[in-house]
Amino acid sequence: MISLTLNDGVSIPLLAYGTGTAILKSKTTLSGDVDSQVVNTIKLAIRAGYRHLDTAEMYQTEPELGVAIKESIVEGIVKREDLFVATKISSEFAQASTKIDVSLQKLGLDYVDLYLIHTPYLKGSDGDLQGAWAAMEAVKASGKARSIGVSNYEESHLVETLATAKVPPSINQIEFHPYLQHGDLLPFSRVNGGGIATSAYGALSPVTRNIAGPLDETLARLAAKYDVSTGMVCLRWCIDQGIVIITTSQKPARMVEYLGVFDFKLSLKEVQEIATAGVQSLKGEELIPRVVQYHKMIEESR
């Protein structure tokens, strides 16, 4: 699988299998028991060829991912060094050095390849955000995370973090698709943020949320040209901008389909055409409500 080299020299596969949306644990296993169905779904993804596996404290799927990894290694499908495992701290960021140990225990691993602050919207102040990053730097220094980054950060959050950071975040995982391009956030991250990469969740939103919009004709035409689905065009649009994709599915056929994103390439003109179609409507961000609003709602309810 094609990879991207982060600003700390760590190589990250451009396509990840995420365990946070399509995979839902049954109510009987939320108390702590391992959900065998979730384990088997993740194992299917590993067997299909996914090597970048994304989870989080908030998803409550770290134990299942850990079992899936262990069983896949025992069965000879992969080795630990073949995998890129990412997880996220969801709260009490200053306690990252302790919370990483909890995540590692659930995952059954000695280290993760990427550790992220899940959202900045639970911070009490910018000072807390800076303290949180200092705690993340300590995790990296301990060797328990090869790379450290952030998630759902806007430019203001990056500015505050970078003001005191000794090590810049390697990546910012955000909701990203043609209808939500975040203005100057990506150029800022690359140039002023010390080469912060971007990973995208929700990249398929223009297709999966069934919202009619100005992209429809463009996506349909390009899908026909390359003999792929409109969703694959959305994924390739991210890849062609150097953006890591976090995607997921419980369907084996869909898992395999997504891996085909590396079998074709959009032209620069086509990448720009999709971007233009996505922002041509001033109501672009209203077409698909941002998932990140959920995190803001959490903060406001505290």
Protein backbone atom coordinates (compact mmCIF):
# COMPACT_ATOMS: atom_id res chain seq x y z
CA MET A 1 0.00 0.00 0.00
CA ILE A 2 1.21 3.52 -0.82
CA SER A 3 2.37 5.53 2.19
CA LEU A 4 3.07 9.14 3.13
CA THR A 5 6.11 10.22 5.14
CA LEU A 6 5.11 12.43 8.08
CA ASN A 7 7.14 15.38 9.38
CA ASP A 8 8.76 13.15 12.01
CA GLY A 9 9.92 10.61 9.43
CA VAL A 10 7.25 8.02 10.26
CA SER A 11 5.60 6.40 7.23
CA ILE A 12 1.78 6.22 7.30
CA PRO A 13 -0.35 4.18 4.84
CA LEU A 14 -2.64 6.48 2.85
CA LEU A 15 -5.71 4.29 3.38
CA ALA A 16 -6.94 3.31 6.83
CA TYR A 17 -9.65 1.01 8.11
CA GLY A 18 -11.54 2.85 10.84
CA THR A 19 -13.42 1.22 13.72
CA GLY A 20 -15.51 4.17 14.82
CA THR A 21 -18.63 4.55 12.67
CA ALA A 22 -19.84 1.53 10.69
CA ILE A 23 -18.64 -0.81 13.43
CA LEU A 24 -20.95 -0.64 16.43
CA LYS A 25 -20.57 -2.86 19.47
CA SER A 26 -23.66 -4.66 20.68
CA LYS A 27 -25.27 -3.32 23.84
CA THR A 28 -24.32 -6.50 25.69
CA THR A 29 -20.60 -5.89 25.11
CA LEU A 30 -20.39 -2.19 25.93
CA SER A 31 -19.75 -3.09 29.58
CA GLY A 32 -16.32 -4.41 28.69
CA ASP A 33 -16.76 -7.79 27.03
CA VAL A 34 -15.12 -8.27 23.65
CA ASP A 35 -17.58 -8.28 20.73
CA SER A 36 -16.63 -11.22 18.51
CA GLN A 37 -18.53 -9.80 15.55
CA VAL A 38 -16.44 -6.62 15.66
CA VAL A 39 -13.26 -8.71 15.98
CA ASN A 40 -14.19 -10.75 12.92
CA THR A 41 -15.03 -7.64 10.90
CA ILE A 42 -11.63 -6.11 11.65
CA LYS A 43 -9.94 -9.40 10.77
CA LEU A 44 -11.72 -9.35 7.42
CA ALA A 45 -10.26 -5.89 6.78
CA ILE A 46 -6.76 -7.07 7.69
CA ARG A 47 -7.13 -10.11 5.47
CA ALA A 48 -8.36 -7.88 2.62
CA GLY A 49 -5.13 -5.90 2.81
CA TYR A 50 -5.63 -3.01 5.24
CA ARG A 51 -2.54 -2.28 7.29
CA HIS A 52 -3.48 1.11 8.77
CA LEU A 53 -6.01 0.50 11.56
CA ASP A 54 -7.71 3.41 13.33
CA THR A 55 -9.47 3.29 16.70
CA ALA A 56 -10.02 5.53 19.73
CA GLU A 57 -10.77 5.50 23.43
CA MET A 58 -14.16 7.03 22.57
CA TYR A 59 -15.06 4.27 20.10
CA GLN A 60 -14.65 1.56 22.78
CA THR A 61 -13.22 -0.77 20.12
CA GLU A 62 -9.61 -0.93 21.32
CA PRO A 63 -10.11 -4.39 22.90
CA GLU A 64 -11.64 -5.77 19.69
CA LEU A 65 -8.86 -4.32 17.56
CA GLY A 66 -6.31 -5.82 19.92
CA VAL A 67 -7.83 -9.30 19.64
CA ALA A 68 -8.11 -8.98 15.86
CA ILE A 69 -4.44 -8.02 15.60
CA LYS A 70 -3.33 -10.83 17.92
CA GLU A 71 -5.32 -13.48 16.07
CA SER A 72 -4.19 -12.20 12.67
CA ILE A 73 -0.56 -12.43 13.78
CA VAL A 74 -1.05 -15.95 15.18
CA GLU A 75 -2.73 -17.01 11.93
CA GLY A 76 0.25 -15.72 9.96
CA ILE A 77 -1.66 -13.04 8.07
CA VAL A 78 0.53 -10.16 9.28
CA LYS A 79 3.38 -9.28 11.59
CA ARG A 80 3.13 -6.43 14.09
CA GLU A 81 5.66 -4.42 12.11
CA ASP A 82 3.41 -4.67 9.05
CA LEU A 83 0.67 -2.73 10.82
CA PHE A 84 0.15 0.96 11.50
CA VAL A 85 -2.08 1.26 14.57
CA ALA A 86 -3.61 4.59 15.55
CA THR A 87 -5.69 5.43 18.60
CA LYS A 88 -6.89 8.60 20.29
CA ILE A 89 -7.15 10.06 23.77
CA SER A 90 -10.64 11.47 24.27
CA SER A 91 -10.40 13.36 27.58
CA GLU A 92 -8.08 14.21 30.48
CA PHE A 93 -5.37 15.07 27.99
CA ALA A 94 -2.86 16.07 30.65
CA GLN A 95 -2.94 12.43 31.79
CA ALA A 96 -1.81 11.16 28.39
CA SER A 97 1.19 9.34 29.86
CA THR A 98 -1.18 7.25 31.99
CA LYS A 99 -4.00 6.91 29.49
CA ILE A 100 -1.71 5.58 26.77
CA ASP A 101 -0.92 2.68 29.10
CA VAL A 102 -4.64 1.91 29.38
CA SER A 103 -5.02 1.95 25.60
CA LEU A 104 -1.95 -0.23 25.11
CA GLN A 105 -3.28 -2.74 27.63
CA LYS A 106 -6.61 -2.92 25.79
CA LEU A 107 -4.83 -3.25 22.45
CA GLY A 108 -2.37 -5.81 23.77
CA LEU A 109 0.50 -3.82 22.25
CA ASP A 110 3.78 -2.36 23.46
CA TYR A 111 3.36 0.78 21.36
CA VAL A 112 1.05 2.46 18.86
CA ASP A 113 2.20 4.00 15.63
CA LEU A 114 0.08 7.12 16.06
CA TYR A 115 -1.53 8.69 19.14
CA LEU A 116 -3.95 11.57 18.64
CA ILE A 117 -5.79 14.10 20.78
CA HIS A 118 -9.33 13.28 19.64
CA THR A 119 -10.87 16.74 19.88
CA PRO A 120 -9.88 20.17 21.21
CA TYR A 121 -13.44 20.99 22.22
CA LEU A 122 -13.14 19.44 25.68
CA LYS A 123 -10.33 21.78 26.68
CA GLY A 124 -10.94 24.30 29.44
CA SER A 125 -8.54 26.89 28.01
CA ASP A 126 -5.79 27.35 25.46
CA GLY A 127 -3.34 26.74 28.29
CA ASP A 128 -4.93 23.34 28.78
CA LEU A 129 -4.45 22.67 25.08
CA GLN A 130 -0.77 23.50 25.35
CA GLY A 131 -0.41 21.37 28.46
CA ALA A 132 -2.16 18.54 26.67
CA TRP A 133 0.39 18.69 23.87
CA ALA A 134 3.28 18.67 26.34
CA ALA A 135 1.81 15.45 27.75
CA MET A 136 1.61 14.01 24.25
CA GLU A 137 5.26 14.90 23.65
CA ALA A 138 6.12 12.93 26.78
CA VAL A 139 4.29 9.91 25.35
CA LYS A 140 6.33 10.12 22.16
CA ALA A 141 9.56 10.48 24.14
CA SER A 142 8.66 7.32 26.09
CA GLY A 143 8.50 5.30 22.88
CA LYS A 144 4.89 4.27 23.49
CA ALA A 145 3.81 6.18 20.38
CA ARG A 146 5.98 6.47 17.30
CA SER A 147 4.13 9.58 16.15
CA ILE A 148 1.74 12.04 17.81
CA GLY A 149 -0.93 14.22 16.29
CA VAL A 150 -4.32 15.85 16.72
CA SER A 151 -7.87 15.48 15.46
CA ASN A 152 -10.65 17.97 14.70
CA TYR A 153 -8.26 20.91 15.16
CA GLU A 154 -8.97 24.20 13.45
CA GLU A 155 -6.28 26.76 12.69
CA SER A 156 -6.71 28.55 16.02
CA HIS A 157 -6.10 25.30 17.91
CA LEU A 158 -2.96 24.61 15.90
CA VAL A 159 -1.66 28.13 16.50
CA GLU A 160 -2.05 27.76 20.27
CA THR A 161 -0.48 24.31 20.27
CA LEU A 162 2.47 25.31 18.10
CA ALA A 163 3.20 28.34 20.31
CA THR A 164 4.74 26.09 22.97
CA ALA A 165 5.28 22.81 21.11
CA LYS A 166 8.75 21.29 21.05
CA VAL A 167 7.57 18.75 18.49
CA PRO A 168 4.83 19.77 16.01
CA PRO A 169 1.85 17.47 15.48
CA SER A 170 2.53 15.05 12.65
CA ILE A 171 -1.06 14.97 11.41
CA ASN A 172 -4.52 16.46 11.93
CA GLN A 173 -7.46 14.09 11.41
CA ILE A 174 -10.52 16.07 10.35
CA GLU A 175 -13.80 15.66 8.55
CA PHE A 176 -12.88 16.50 4.97
CA HIS A 177 -14.69 16.19 1.66
CA PRO A 178 -15.52 18.45 -1.30
CA TYR A 179 -18.33 20.17 0.60
CA LEU A 180 -16.09 20.77 3.62
CA GLN A 181 -12.62 21.88 2.53
CA HIS A 182 -11.74 24.03 5.57
CA GLY A 183 -10.51 27.08 3.68
CA ASP A 184 -6.84 27.76 4.42
CA LEU A 185 -6.44 25.07 7.09
CA LEU A 186 -4.52 22.61 4.91
CA PRO A 187 -2.09 25.18 3.44
CA PHE A 188 -1.51 26.58 6.93
CA SER A 189 -0.81 23.10 8.30
CA ARG A 190 1.70 22.32 5.59
CA VAL A 191 3.53 25.66 5.53
CA ASN A 192 3.11 27.34 8.93
CA GLY A 193 2.43 24.23 10.96
CA GLY A 194 5.73 22.54 10.37
CA GLY A 195 4.48 20.19 7.69
CA ILE A 196 1.41 18.85 9.50
CA ALA A 197 -0.30 16.27 7.27
CA THR A 198 -4.06 15.81 7.04
CA SER A 199 -6.14 12.66 7.35
CA ALA A 200 -9.80 12.68 6.39
CA TYR A 201 -12.84 11.00 7.86
CA GLY A 202 -16.20 11.47 6.20
CA ALA A 203 -14.60 11.60 2.75
CA LEU A 204 -17.58 9.74 1.28
CA SER A 205 -20.16 12.11 2.77
CA PRO A 206 -21.25 13.68 -0.55
CA VAL A 207 -22.29 10.17 -1.64
CA THR A 208 -23.26 8.25 1.50
CA ARG A 209 -25.43 10.96 3.02
CA ASN A 210 -27.51 11.14 -0.16
CA ILE A 211 -27.47 14.91 -0.36
CA ALA A 212 -28.23 16.34 -3.79
CA GLY A 213 -25.70 19.03 -4.60
CA PRO A 214 -23.53 20.69 -7.24
CA LEU A 215 -21.07 17.77 -7.16
CA ASP A 216 -23.47 15.18 -8.52
CA GLU A 217 -22.84 15.71 -12.24
CA THR A 218 -19.07 15.99 -11.85
CA LEU A 219 -18.77 12.84 -9.73
CA ALA A 220 -21.02 10.84 -12.06
CA ARG A 221 -19.05 11.87 -15.14
CA LEU A 222 -15.66 11.06 -13.60
CA ALA A 223 -16.95 7.77 -12.20
CA ALA A 224 -18.03 6.75 -15.70
CA LYS A 225 -14.69 7.84 -17.18
CA TYR A 226 -12.63 5.73 -14.76
CA ASP A 227 -15.20 2.91 -14.43
CA VAL A 228 -15.46 3.29 -10.65
CA SER A 229 -18.16 4.36 -8.20
CA THR A 230 -18.76 8.00 -7.31
CA GLY A 231 -17.52 7.17 -3.82
CA MET A 232 -14.20 6.03 -5.23
CA VAL A 233 -13.85 9.36 -7.01
CA CYS A 234 -14.29 11.11 -3.65
CA LEU A 235 -11.61 8.92 -2.07
CA ARG A 236 -9.18 9.43 -4.94
CA TRP A 237 -9.75 13.19 -4.75
CA CYS A 238 -8.28 13.08 -1.24
CA ILE A 239 -5.40 10.79 -2.19
CA ASP A 240 -4.40 13.07 -5.06
CA GLN A 241 -4.01 15.89 -2.54
CA GLY A 242 -1.77 13.83 -0.27
CA ILE A 243 -4.52 13.32 2.30
CA VAL A 244 -4.74 10.09 4.32
CA ILE A 245 -8.21 8.52 4.18
CA ILE A 246 -10.01 6.95 7.13
CA THR A 247 -12.81 4.78 5.80
CA THR A 248 -14.80 1.82 7.04
CA SER A 249 -17.35 -0.80 6.08
CA GLN A 250 -18.69 -4.08 7.40
CA LYS A 251 -19.06 -5.43 3.86
CA PRO A 252 -16.08 -7.46 2.54
CA ALA A 253 -16.80 -6.42 -1.06
CA ARG A 254 -16.75 -2.75 -0.08
CA MET A 255 -13.49 -3.20 1.83
CA VAL A 256 -11.89 -4.60 -1.32
CA GLU A 257 -13.41 -1.88 -3.49
CA TYR A 258 -11.85 0.89 -1.41
CA LEU A 259 -8.41 -0.69 -1.80
CA GLY A 260 -8.80 -0.09 -5.53
CA VAL A 261 -8.40 3.64 -4.94
CA PHE A 262 -4.76 3.24 -5.94
CA ASP A 263 -5.65 1.76 -9.33
CA PHE A 264 -6.52 5.07 -10.99
CA LYS A 265 -5.56 8.73 -10.69
CA LEU A 266 -7.38 12.00 -11.26
CA SER A 267 -5.75 14.73 -13.28
CA LEU A 268 -4.88 18.02 -11.58
CA LYS A 269 -7.66 19.65 -13.59
CA GLU A 270 -10.16 17.08 -12.32
CA VAL A 271 -9.05 17.54 -8.71
CA GLN A 272 -9.58 21.28 -9.09
CA GLU A 273 -12.92 20.74 -10.82
CA ILE A 274 -14.23 18.71 -7.88
CA ALA A 275 -12.94 21.29 -5.41
CA THR A 276 -14.62 24.11 -7.32
CA ALA A 277 -17.92 22.25 -7.57
CA GLY A 278 -17.81 21.58 -3.85
CA VAL A 279 -17.48 25.22 -2.86
CA GLN A 280 -19.48 26.88 -5.63
CA SER A 281 -22.55 26.92 -3.43
CA LEU A 282 -22.39 29.28 -0.46
CA LYS A 283 -24.50 26.69 1.34
CA GLY A 284 -21.90 24.00 0.83
CA GLU A 285 -21.27 23.44 4.53
CA GLU A 286 -25.02 23.41 5.15
CA LEU A 287 -25.56 20.57 2.67
CA ILE A 288 -23.85 18.14 5.02
CA PRO A 289 -23.79 19.11 8.72
CA ARG A 290 -20.33 18.72 10.19
CA VAL A 291 -19.71 15.71 12.40
CA VAL A 292 -17.38 17.89 14.46
CA GLN A 293 -20.39 19.85 15.74
CA TYR A 294 -20.99 16.84 17.98
CA HIS A 295 -17.78 17.60 19.86
CA LYS A 296 -18.74 21.26 20.25
CA MET A 297 -22.09 20.18 21.67
CA ILE A 298 -20.25 18.08 24.27
CA GLU A 299 -18.23 21.11 25.34
CA GLU A 300 -21.29 23.35 25.57
CA SER A 301 -23.11 20.80 27.73
CA ARG A 302 -20.34 20.64 30.32
